[in-house]
Amino acid sequence: MKPLILILATLLSAPAMAQSSNCAPRDAVVQKLASLTEIQSGIGLASKQSLIEIWTSGSTGTWTVVMTFTSGVSCIMAYGSGWVDADKPVVTTGTPT
């Protein structure tokens, strides 16, 4: 998880950022996510001007939610670890923390 945070921090501090500190041109966001071995796992329309992308890594368990706008700007909305694909059974015991 620490490498993900460091790389995302680098991305988010890039000079080519858009309006917000968590946004950059889509190509830059995709390159960083690919360098983390994340692949686009899902996509859906959020509005007429934006879509939501889910990027995940099966090897590291990391995930990133990206909102991409028709302007070509992508913003990282959330990221984390412990990703499990929904088509794989999840076995839990006890109370979630």
PDB file of N, CA and C in Angstrom:
ATOM      1  N   MET A   1       0.827  -1.189   0.000  1.00  0.00           N
ATOM      2  CA  MET A   1       0.000   0.000   0.000  1.00  0.00           C
ATOM      3  C   MET A   1       0.872   1.252   0.000  1.00  0.00           C
ATOM      4  N   LYS A   2       2.003   1.211   0.693  1.00  0.00           N
ATOM      5  CA  LYS A   2       2.861   2.388   0.767  1.00  0.00           C
ATOM      6  C   LYS A   2       3.334   2.846  -0.603  1.00  0.00           C
ATOM      7  N   PRO A   3       3.769   1.921  -1.524  1.00  0.00           N
ATOM      8  CA  PRO A   3       4.155   2.389  -2.860  1.00  0.00           C
ATOM      9  C   PRO A   3       3.000   3.068  -3.591  1.00  0.00           C
ATOM     10  N   LEU A   4       1.784   2.577  -3.416  1.00  0.00           N
ATOM     11  CA  LEU A   4       0.622   3.189  -4.059  1.00  0.00           C
ATOM     12  C   LEU A   4       0.457   4.624  -3.579  1.00  0.00           C
ATOM     13  N   ILE A   5       0.554   4.829  -2.289  1.00  0.00           N
ATOM     14  CA  ILE A   5       0.391   6.170  -1.735  1.00  0.00           C
ATOM     15  C   ILE A   5       1.477   7.098  -2.261  1.00  0.00           C
ATOM     16  N   LEU A   6       2.723   6.617  -2.312  1.00  0.00           N
ATOM     17  CA  LEU A   6       3.822   7.448  -2.794  1.00  0.00           C
ATOM     18  C   LEU A   6       3.646   7.819  -4.263  1.00  0.00           C
ATOM     19  N   ILE A   7       3.250   6.853  -5.081  1.00  0.00           N
ATOM     20  CA  ILE A   7       3.076   7.133  -6.512  1.00  0.00           C
ATOM     21  C   ILE A   7       1.894   8.058  -6.730  1.00  0.00           C
ATOM     22  N   LEU A   8       0.797   7.823  -6.012  1.00  0.00           N
ATOM     23  CA  LEU A   8      -0.359   8.708  -6.162  1.00  0.00           C
ATOM     24  C   LEU A   8      -0.034  10.112  -5.660  1.00  0.00           C
ATOM     25  N   ALA A   9       0.753  10.214  -4.601  1.00  0.00           N
ATOM     26  CA  ALA A   9       1.161  11.532  -4.112  1.00  0.00           C
ATOM     27  C   ALA A   9       1.992  12.253  -5.163  1.00  0.00           C
ATOM     28  N   THR A  10       2.857  11.514  -5.854  1.00  0.00           N
ATOM     29  CA  THR A  10       3.660  12.099  -6.925  1.00  0.00           C
ATOM     30  C   THR A  10       2.763  12.573  -8.053  1.00  0.00           C
ATOM     31  N   LEU A  11       1.812  11.726  -8.433  1.00  0.00           N
ATOM     32  CA  LEU A  11       0.870  12.091  -9.491  1.00  0.00           C
ATOM     33  C   LEU A  11       0.080  13.331  -9.112  1.00  0.00           C
ATOM     34  N   LEU A  12      -0.383  13.354  -7.899  1.00  0.00           N
ATOM     35  CA  LEU A  12      -1.246  14.444  -7.473  1.00  0.00           C
ATOM     36  C   LEU A  12      -0.489  15.753  -7.296  1.00  0.00           C
ATOM     37  N   SER A  13       0.832  15.691  -7.226  1.00  0.00           N
ATOM     38  CA  SER A  13       1.594  16.925  -7.085  1.00  0.00           C
ATOM     39  C   SER A  13       2.211  17.371  -8.407  1.00  0.00           C
ATOM     40  N   ALA A  14       1.849  16.704  -9.498  1.00  0.00           N
ATOM     41  CA  ALA A  14       2.399  17.045 -10.817  1.00  0.00           C
ATOM     42  C   ALA A  14       1.945  18.435 -11.244  1.00  0.00           C
ATOM     43  N   PRO A  15       2.818  19.166 -11.944  1.00  0.00           N
ATOM     44  CA  PRO A  15       2.466  20.522 -12.347  1.00  0.00           C
ATOM     45  C   PRO A  15       1.344  20.593 -13.387  1.00  0.00           C
ATOM     46  N   ALA A  16       1.082  19.503 -14.109  1.00  0.00           N
ATOM     47  CA  ALA A  16       0.070  19.521 -15.169  1.00  0.00           C
ATOM     48  C   ALA A  16      -1.332  19.259 -14.634  1.00  0.00           C
ATOM     49  N   MET A  17      -1.540  19.481 -13.366  1.00  0.00           N
ATOM     50  CA  MET A  17      -2.823  19.182 -12.760  1.00  0.00           C
ATOM     51  C   MET A  17      -3.918  20.130 -13.217  1.00  0.00           C
ATOM     52  N   ALA A  18      -5.123  19.625 -13.111  1.00  0.00           N
ATOM     53  CA  ALA A  18      -6.291  20.437 -13.487  1.00  0.00           C
ATOM     54  C   ALA A  18      -6.735  21.264 -12.294  1.00  0.00           C
ATOM     55  N   GLN A  19      -8.044  21.407 -12.147  1.00  0.00           N
ATOM     56  CA  GLN A  19      -8.598  22.295 -11.144  1.00  0.00           C
ATOM     57  C   GLN A  19      -8.336  21.834  -9.717  1.00  0.00           C
ATOM     58  N   SER A  20      -8.189  20.567  -9.497  1.00  0.00           N
ATOM     59  CA  SER A  20      -8.086  20.039  -8.146  1.00  0.00           C
ATOM     60  C   SER A  20      -6.779  19.291  -7.975  1.00  0.00           C
ATOM     61  N   SER A  21      -6.346  19.157  -6.732  1.00  0.00           N
ATOM     62  CA  SER A  21      -5.070  18.499  -6.480  1.00  0.00           C
ATOM     63  C   SER A  21      -5.122  16.994  -6.714  1.00  0.00           C
ATOM     64  N   ASN A  22      -6.287  16.430  -6.922  1.00  0.00           N
ATOM     65  CA  ASN A  22      -6.374  15.002  -7.203  1.00  0.00           C
ATOM     66  C   ASN A  22      -6.735  14.728  -8.665  1.00  0.00           C
ATOM     67  N   CYS A  23      -6.532  15.704  -9.537  1.00  0.00           N
ATOM     68  CA  CYS A  23      -6.876  15.569 -10.952  1.00  0.00           C
ATOM     69  C   CYS A  23      -5.646  15.779 -11.832  1.00  0.00           C
ATOM     70  N   ALA A  24      -5.664  15.132 -12.994  1.00  0.00           N
ATOM     71  CA  ALA A  24      -4.593  15.259 -13.978  1.00  0.00           C
ATOM     72  C   ALA A  24      -5.159  14.827 -15.322  1.00  0.00           C
ATOM     73  N   PRO A  25      -4.445  15.092 -16.410  1.00  0.00           N
ATOM     74  CA  PRO A  25      -4.894  14.564 -17.697  1.00  0.00           C
ATOM     75  C   PRO A  25      -5.041  13.039 -17.620  1.00  0.00           C
ATOM     76  N   ARG A  26      -6.059  12.506 -18.270  1.00  0.00           N
ATOM     77  CA  ARG A  26      -6.358  11.076 -18.168  1.00  0.00           C
ATOM     78  C   ARG A  26      -5.153  10.211 -18.503  1.00  0.00           C
ATOM     79  N   ASP A  27      -4.400  10.565 -19.537  1.00  0.00           N
ATOM     80  CA  ASP A  27      -3.237   9.760 -19.913  1.00  0.00           C
ATOM     81  C   ASP A  27      -2.248   9.615 -18.758  1.00  0.00           C
ATOM     82  N   ALA A  28      -2.029  10.684 -18.011  1.00  0.00           N
ATOM     83  CA  ALA A  28      -1.099  10.638 -16.880  1.00  0.00           C
ATOM     84  C   ALA A  28      -1.633   9.733 -15.770  1.00  0.00           C
ATOM     85  N   VAL A  29      -2.928   9.816 -15.505  1.00  0.00           N
ATOM     86  CA  VAL A  29      -3.538   8.966 -14.480  1.00  0.00           C
ATOM     87  C   VAL A  29      -3.445   7.507 -14.888  1.00  0.00           C
ATOM     88  N   VAL A  30      -3.778   7.203 -16.144  1.00  0.00           N
ATOM     89  CA  VAL A  30      -3.730   5.823 -16.635  1.00  0.00           C
ATOM     90  C   VAL A  30      -2.307   5.272 -16.564  1.00  0.00           C
ATOM     91  N   GLN A  31      -1.317   6.064 -16.939  1.00  0.00           N
ATOM     92  CA  GLN A  31       0.079   5.613 -16.868  1.00  0.00           C
ATOM     93  C   GLN A  31       0.475   5.259 -15.443  1.00  0.00           C
ATOM     94  N   LYS A  32       0.107   6.090 -14.492  1.00  0.00           N
ATOM     95  CA  LYS A  32       0.444   5.813 -13.093  1.00  0.00           C
ATOM     96  C   LYS A  32      -0.254   4.563 -12.590  1.00  0.00           C
ATOM     97  N   LEU A  33      -1.533   4.416 -12.921  1.00  0.00           N
ATOM     98  CA  LEU A  33      -2.260   3.232 -12.472  1.00  0.00           C
ATOM     99  C   LEU A  33      -1.678   1.969 -13.097  1.00  0.00           C
ATOM    100  N   ALA A  34      -1.294   2.040 -14.359  1.00  0.00           N
ATOM    101  CA  ALA A  34      -0.674   0.893 -15.030  1.00  0.00           C
ATOM    102  C   ALA A  34       0.660   0.547 -14.376  1.00  0.00           C
ATOM    103  N   SER A  35       1.402   1.562 -13.943  1.00  0.00           N
ATOM    104  CA  SER A  35       2.687   1.291 -13.286  1.00  0.00           C
ATOM    105  C   SER A  35       2.489   0.603 -11.937  1.00  0.00           C
ATOM    106  N   LEU A  36       1.273   0.697 -11.390  1.00  0.00           N
ATOM    107  CA  LEU A  36       0.929   0.013 -10.139  1.00  0.00           C
ATOM    108  C   LEU A  36       0.305  -1.356 -10.396  1.00  0.00           C
ATOM    109  N   THR A  37       0.340  -1.801 -11.648  1.00  0.00           N
ATOM    110  CA  THR A  37      -0.272  -3.043 -12.130  1.00  0.00           C
ATOM    111  C   THR A  37      -1.790  -3.030 -12.005  1.00  0.00           C
ATOM    112  N   GLU A  38      -2.392  -1.852 -11.905  1.00  0.00           N
ATOM    113  CA  GLU A  38      -3.840  -1.782 -11.889  1.00  0.00           C
ATOM    114  C   GLU A  38      -4.366  -1.755 -13.316  1.00  0.00           C
ATOM    115  N   ILE A  39      -5.492  -2.439 -13.510  1.00  0.00           N
ATOM    116  CA  ILE A  39      -6.155  -2.471 -14.809  1.00  0.00           C
ATOM    117  C   ILE A  39      -7.592  -1.976 -14.625  1.00  0.00           C
ATOM    118  N   GLN A  40      -8.150  -1.486 -15.701  1.00  0.00           N
ATOM    119  CA  GLN A  40      -9.531  -1.023 -15.638  1.00  0.00           C
ATOM    120  C   GLN A  40     -10.439  -2.244 -15.496  1.00  0.00           C
ATOM    121  N   SER A  41     -11.158  -2.313 -14.385  1.00  0.00           N
ATOM    122  CA  SER A  41     -12.019  -3.459 -14.093  1.00  0.00           C
ATOM    123  C   SER A  41     -13.482  -3.178 -14.339  1.00  0.00           C
ATOM    124  N   GLY A  42     -13.846  -1.907 -14.417  1.00  0.00           N
ATOM    125  CA  GLY A  42     -15.238  -1.550 -14.649  1.00  0.00           C
ATOM    126  C   GLY A  42     -15.351  -0.088 -15.003  1.00  0.00           C
ATOM    127  N   ILE A  43     -16.468   0.237 -15.647  1.00  0.00           N
ATOM    128  CA  ILE A  43     -16.694   1.605 -16.085  1.00  0.00           C
ATOM    129  C   ILE A  43     -18.202   1.828 -16.165  1.00  0.00           C
ATOM    130  N   GLY A  44     -18.631   3.040 -15.843  1.00  0.00           N
ATOM    131  CA  GLY A  44     -20.052   3.365 -15.934  1.00  0.00           C
ATOM    132  C   GLY A  44     -20.258   4.859 -16.027  1.00  0.00           C
ATOM    133  N   LEU A  45     -21.342   5.251 -16.664  1.00  0.00           N
ATOM    134  CA  LEU A  45     -21.651   6.674 -16.805  1.00  0.00           C
ATOM    135  C   LEU A  45     -22.081   7.247 -15.464  1.00  0.00           C
ATOM    136  N   ALA A  46     -21.509   8.385 -15.111  1.00  0.00           N
ATOM    137  CA  ALA A  46     -21.911   9.103 -13.903  1.00  0.00           C
ATOM    138  C   ALA A  46     -22.856  10.235 -14.270  1.00  0.00           C
ATOM    139  N   SER A  47     -22.644  10.818 -15.441  1.00  0.00           N
ATOM    140  CA  SER A  47     -23.497  11.888 -15.957  1.00  0.00           C
ATOM    141  C   SER A  47     -23.225  12.004 -17.453  1.00  0.00           C
ATOM    142  N   LYS A  48     -23.835  12.998 -18.097  1.00  0.00           N
ATOM    143  CA  LYS A  48     -23.574  13.206 -19.523  1.00  0.00           C
ATOM    144  C   LYS A  48     -22.144  13.676 -19.764  1.00  0.00           C
ATOM    145  N   GLN A  49     -21.492  14.169 -18.714  1.00  0.00           N
ATOM    146  CA  GLN A  49     -20.157  14.726 -18.881  1.00  0.00           C
ATOM    147  C   GLN A  49     -19.072  13.979 -18.117  1.00  0.00           C
ATOM    148  N   SER A  50     -19.419  12.857 -17.479  1.00  0.00           N
ATOM    149  CA  SER A  50     -18.397  12.134 -16.728  1.00  0.00           C
ATOM    150  C   SER A  50     -18.728  10.656 -16.605  1.00  0.00           C
ATOM    151  N   LEU A  51     -17.704   9.887 -16.361  1.00  0.00           N
ATOM    152  CA  LEU A  51     -17.883   8.468 -16.103  1.00  0.00           C
ATOM    153  C   LEU A  51     -16.992   8.065 -14.950  1.00  0.00           C
ATOM    154  N   ILE A  52     -17.360   6.965 -14.323  1.00  0.00           N
ATOM    155  CA  ILE A  52     -16.596   6.418 -13.203  1.00  0.00           C
ATOM    156  C   ILE A  52     -15.852   5.189 -13.703  1.00  0.00           C
ATOM    157  N   GLU A  53     -14.591   5.097 -13.341  1.00  0.00           N
ATOM    158  CA  GLU A  53     -13.773   3.945 -13.688  1.00  0.00           C
ATOM    159  C   GLU A  53     -13.275   3.297 -12.399  1.00  0.00           C
ATOM    160  N   ILE A  54     -13.302   1.988 -12.367  1.00  0.00           N
ATOM    161  CA  ILE A  54     -12.739   1.238 -11.251  1.00  0.00           C
ATOM    162  C   ILE A  54     -11.490   0.536 -11.781  1.00  0.00           C
ATOM    163  N   TRP A  55     -10.366   0.802 -11.148  1.00  0.00           N
ATOM    164  CA  TRP A  55      -9.082   0.182 -11.513  1.00  0.00           C
ATOM    165  C   TRP A  55      -8.652  -0.699 -10.347  1.00  0.00           C
ATOM    166  N   THR A  56      -8.208  -1.926 -10.655  1.00  0.00           N
ATOM    167  CA  THR A  56      -7.812  -2.850  -9.597  1.00  0.00           C
ATOM    168  C   THR A  56      -6.549  -3.601  -9.990  1.00  0.00           C
ATOM    169  N   SER A  57      -5.887  -4.136  -8.986  1.00  0.00           N
ATOM    170  CA  SER A  57      -4.725  -4.990  -9.210  1.00  0.00           C
ATOM    171  C   SER A  57      -4.937  -6.308  -8.481  1.00  0.00           C
ATOM    172  N   GLY A  58      -4.999  -7.387  -9.246  1.00  0.00           N
ATOM    173  CA  GLY A  58      -5.125  -8.706  -8.654  1.00  0.00           C
ATOM    174  C   GLY A  58      -3.878  -9.126  -7.900  1.00  0.00           C
ATOM    175  N   SER A  59      -2.720  -8.610  -8.315  1.00  0.00           N
ATOM    176  CA  SER A  59      -1.470  -9.016  -7.673  1.00  0.00           C
ATOM    177  C   SER A  59      -1.205  -8.283  -6.366  1.00  0.00           C
ATOM    178  N   THR A  60      -1.660  -7.034  -6.250  1.00  0.00           N
ATOM    179  CA  THR A  60      -1.399  -6.271  -5.027  1.00  0.00           C
ATOM    180  C   THR A  60      -2.650  -6.057  -4.178  1.00  0.00           C
ATOM    181  N   GLY A  61      -3.831  -6.248  -4.764  1.00  0.00           N
ATOM    182  CA  GLY A  61      -5.072  -6.029  -4.043  1.00  0.00           C
ATOM    183  C   GLY A  61      -5.458  -4.560  -3.915  1.00  0.00           C
ATOM    184  N   THR A  62      -4.764  -3.678  -4.640  1.00  0.00           N
ATOM    185  CA  THR A  62      -5.095  -2.262  -4.567  1.00  0.00           C
ATOM    186  C   THR A  62      -6.240  -1.945  -5.523  1.00  0.00           C
ATOM    187  N   TRP A  63      -6.926  -0.829  -5.248  1.00  0.00           N
ATOM    188  CA  TRP A  63      -8.017  -0.379  -6.103  1.00  0.00           C
ATOM    189  C   TRP A  63      -8.047   1.140  -6.119  1.00  0.00           C
ATOM    190  N   THR A  64      -8.559   1.683  -7.221  1.00  0.00           N
ATOM    191  CA  THR A  64      -8.675   3.127  -7.383  1.00  0.00           C
ATOM    192  C   THR A  64      -9.973   3.441  -8.103  1.00  0.00           C
ATOM    193  N   VAL A  65     -10.709   4.439  -7.612  1.00  0.00           N
ATOM    194  CA  VAL A  65     -11.907   4.923  -8.276  1.00  0.00           C
ATOM    195  C   VAL A  65     -11.549   6.252  -8.929  1.00  0.00           C
ATOM    196  N   VAL A  66     -11.781   6.316 -10.236  1.00  0.00           N
ATOM    197  CA  VAL A  66     -11.418   7.501 -11.017  1.00  0.00           C
ATOM    198  C   VAL A  66     -12.663   8.047 -11.695  1.00  0.00           C
ATOM    199  N   MET A  67     -12.857   9.360 -11.631  1.00  0.00           N
ATOM    200  CA  MET A  67     -13.918  10.007 -12.401  1.00  0.00           C
ATOM    201  C   MET A  67     -13.251  10.722 -13.568  1.00  0.00           C
ATOM    202  N   THR A  68     -13.703  10.417 -14.772  1.00  0.00           N
ATOM    203  CA  THR A  68     -13.140  11.023 -15.975  1.00  0.00           C
ATOM    204  C   THR A  68     -14.196  11.888 -16.647  1.00  0.00           C
ATOM    205  N   PHE A  69     -13.786  13.090 -17.021  1.00  0.00           N
ATOM    206  CA  PHE A  69     -14.688  14.069 -17.617  1.00  0.00           C
ATOM    207  C   PHE A  69     -14.459  14.155 -19.127  1.00  0.00           C
ATOM    208  N   THR A  70     -15.451  14.655 -19.845  1.00  0.00           N
ATOM    209  CA  THR A  70     -15.345  14.783 -21.295  1.00  0.00           C
ATOM    210  C   THR A  70     -14.207  15.715 -21.694  1.00  0.00           C
ATOM    211  N   SER A  71     -13.734  16.523 -20.785  1.00  0.00           N
ATOM    212  CA  SER A  71     -12.606  17.424 -21.048  1.00  0.00           C
ATOM    213  C   SER A  71     -11.279  16.692 -21.145  1.00  0.00           C
ATOM    214  N   GLY A  72     -11.256  15.402 -20.747  1.00  0.00           N
ATOM    215  CA  GLY A  72     -10.009  14.640 -20.753  1.00  0.00           C
ATOM    216  C   GLY A  72      -9.293  14.646 -19.423  1.00  0.00           C
ATOM    217  N   VAL A  73      -9.892  15.267 -18.420  1.00  0.00           N
ATOM    218  CA  VAL A  73      -9.325  15.307 -17.076  1.00  0.00           C
ATOM    219  C   VAL A  73      -9.898  14.151 -16.264  1.00  0.00           C
ATOM    220  N   SER A  74      -9.025  13.472 -15.519  1.00  0.00           N
ATOM    221  CA  SER A  74      -9.451  12.405 -14.618  1.00  0.00           C
ATOM    222  C   SER A  74      -9.098  12.794 -13.192  1.00  0.00           C
ATOM    223  N   CYS A  75      -9.988  12.463 -12.267  1.00  0.00           N
ATOM    224  CA  CYS A  75      -9.771  12.768 -10.858  1.00  0.00           C
ATOM    225  C   CYS A  75      -9.850  11.481 -10.041  1.00  0.00           C
ATOM    226  N   ILE A  76      -8.890  11.291  -9.165  1.00  0.00           N
ATOM    227  CA  ILE A  76      -8.909  10.144  -8.265  1.00  0.00           C
ATOM    228  C   ILE A  76      -9.865  10.477  -7.129  1.00  0.00           C
ATOM    229  N   MET A  77     -10.904   9.667  -7.017  1.00  0.00           N
ATOM    230  CA  MET A  77     -11.941   9.904  -6.023  1.00  0.00           C
ATOM    231  C   MET A  77     -11.672   9.128  -4.738  1.00  0.00           C
ATOM    232  N   ALA A  78     -11.082   7.937  -4.866  1.00  0.00           N
ATOM    233  CA  ALA A  78     -10.800   7.092  -3.710  1.00  0.00           C
ATOM    234  C   ALA A  78      -9.812   6.018  -4.134  1.00  0.00           C
ATOM    235  N   TYR A  79      -9.078   5.488  -3.162  1.00  0.00           N
ATOM    236  CA  TYR A  79      -8.182   4.358  -3.420  1.00  0.00           C
ATOM    237  C   TYR A  79      -7.957   3.611  -2.121  1.00  0.00           C
ATOM    238  N   GLY A  80      -7.533   2.363  -2.254  1.00  0.00           N
ATOM    239  CA  GLY A  80      -7.309   1.569  -1.056  1.00  0.00           C
ATOM    240  C   GLY A  80      -6.694   0.220  -1.377  1.00  0.00           C
ATOM    241  N   SER A  81      -6.817  -0.680  -0.432  1.00  0.00           N
ATOM    242  CA  SER A  81      -6.242  -2.017  -0.585  1.00  0.00           C
ATOM    243  C   SER A  81      -7.278  -3.055  -0.177  1.00  0.00           C
ATOM    244  N   GLY A  82      -6.919  -4.309  -0.322  1.00  0.00           N
ATOM    245  CA  GLY A  82      -7.804  -5.397   0.066  1.00  0.00           C
ATOM    246  C   GLY A  82      -8.882  -5.713  -0.942  1.00  0.00           C
ATOM    247  N   TRP A  83      -8.657  -5.357  -2.208  1.00  0.00           N
ATOM    248  CA  TRP A  83      -9.661  -5.591  -3.247  1.00  0.00           C
ATOM    249  C   TRP A  83      -9.829  -7.094  -3.486  1.00  0.00           C
ATOM    250  N   VAL A  84     -11.087  -7.533  -3.599  1.00  0.00           N
ATOM    251  CA  VAL A  84     -11.428  -8.902  -3.966  1.00  0.00           C
ATOM    252  C   VAL A  84     -12.477  -8.813  -5.050  1.00  0.00           C
ATOM    253  N   ASP A  85     -12.245  -9.505  -6.182  1.00  0.00           N
ATOM    254  CA  ASP A  85     -13.232  -9.495  -7.264  1.00  0.00           C
ATOM    255  C   ASP A  85     -14.533 -10.124  -6.794  1.00  0.00           C
ATOM    256  N   ALA A  86     -15.649  -9.556  -7.214  1.00  0.00           N
ATOM    257  CA  ALA A  86     -16.962 -10.025  -6.784  1.00  0.00           C
ATOM    258  C   ALA A  86     -17.259 -11.442  -7.241  1.00  0.00           C
ATOM    259  N   ASP A  87     -16.646 -11.889  -8.341  1.00  0.00           N
ATOM    260  CA  ASP A  87     -16.910 -13.237  -8.827  1.00  0.00           C
ATOM    261  C   ASP A  87     -16.111 -14.294  -8.070  1.00  0.00           C
ATOM    262  N   LYS A  88     -15.259 -13.867  -7.140  1.00  0.00           N
ATOM    263  CA  LYS A  88     -14.510 -14.803  -6.309  1.00  0.00           C
ATOM    264  C   LYS A  88     -15.185 -14.873  -4.940  1.00  0.00           C
ATOM    265  N   PRO A  89     -15.317 -16.081  -4.398  1.00  0.00           N
ATOM    266  CA  PRO A  89     -15.963 -16.173  -3.084  1.00  0.00           C
ATOM    267  C   PRO A  89     -15.108 -15.487  -2.009  1.00  0.00           C
ATOM    268  N   VAL A  90     -15.794 -14.799  -1.132  1.00  0.00           N
ATOM    269  CA  VAL A  90     -15.134 -14.141  -0.009  1.00  0.00           C
ATOM    270  C   VAL A  90     -15.565 -14.855   1.255  1.00  0.00           C
ATOM    271  N   VAL A  91     -14.614 -15.393   1.995  1.00  0.00           N
ATOM    272  CA  VAL A  91     -14.914 -16.083   3.236  1.00  0.00           C
ATOM    273  C   VAL A  91     -14.500 -15.184   4.379  1.00  0.00           C
ATOM    274  N   THR A  92     -15.446 -14.896   5.253  1.00  0.00           N
ATOM    275  CA  THR A  92     -15.147 -14.075   6.427  1.00  0.00           C
ATOM    276  C   THR A  92     -15.576 -14.793   7.672  1.00  0.00           C
ATOM    277  N   THR A  93     -14.891 -14.510   8.742  1.00  0.00           N
ATOM    278  CA  THR A  93     -15.281 -15.046  10.041  1.00  0.00           C
ATOM    279  C   THR A  93     -15.280 -13.905  11.036  1.00  0.00           C
ATOM    280  N   GLY A  94     -16.147 -13.962  11.984  1.00  0.00           N
ATOM    281  CA  GLY A  94     -16.179 -12.929  13.009  1.00  0.00           C
ATOM    282  C   GLY A  94     -16.861 -11.668  12.535  1.00  0.00           C
ATOM    283  N   THR A  95     -16.646 -10.619  13.271  1.00  0.00           N
ATOM    284  CA  THR A  95     -17.263  -9.334  13.010  1.00  0.00           C
ATOM    285  C   THR A  95     -16.324  -8.468  12.192  1.00  0.00           C
ATOM    286  N   PRO A  96     -16.817  -7.798  11.143  1.00  0.00           N
ATOM    287  CA  PRO A  96     -15.951  -6.915  10.371  1.00  0.00           C
ATOM    288  C   PRO A  96     -15.410  -5.792  11.259  1.00  0.00           C
ATOM    289  N   THR A  97     -14.192  -5.360  10.935  1.00  0.00           N
ATOM    290  CA  THR A  97     -13.595  -4.268  11.711  1.00  0.00           C
ATOM    291  C   THR A  97     -13.695  -2.969  10.964  1.00  0.00           C
TER     292      THR A  97
END
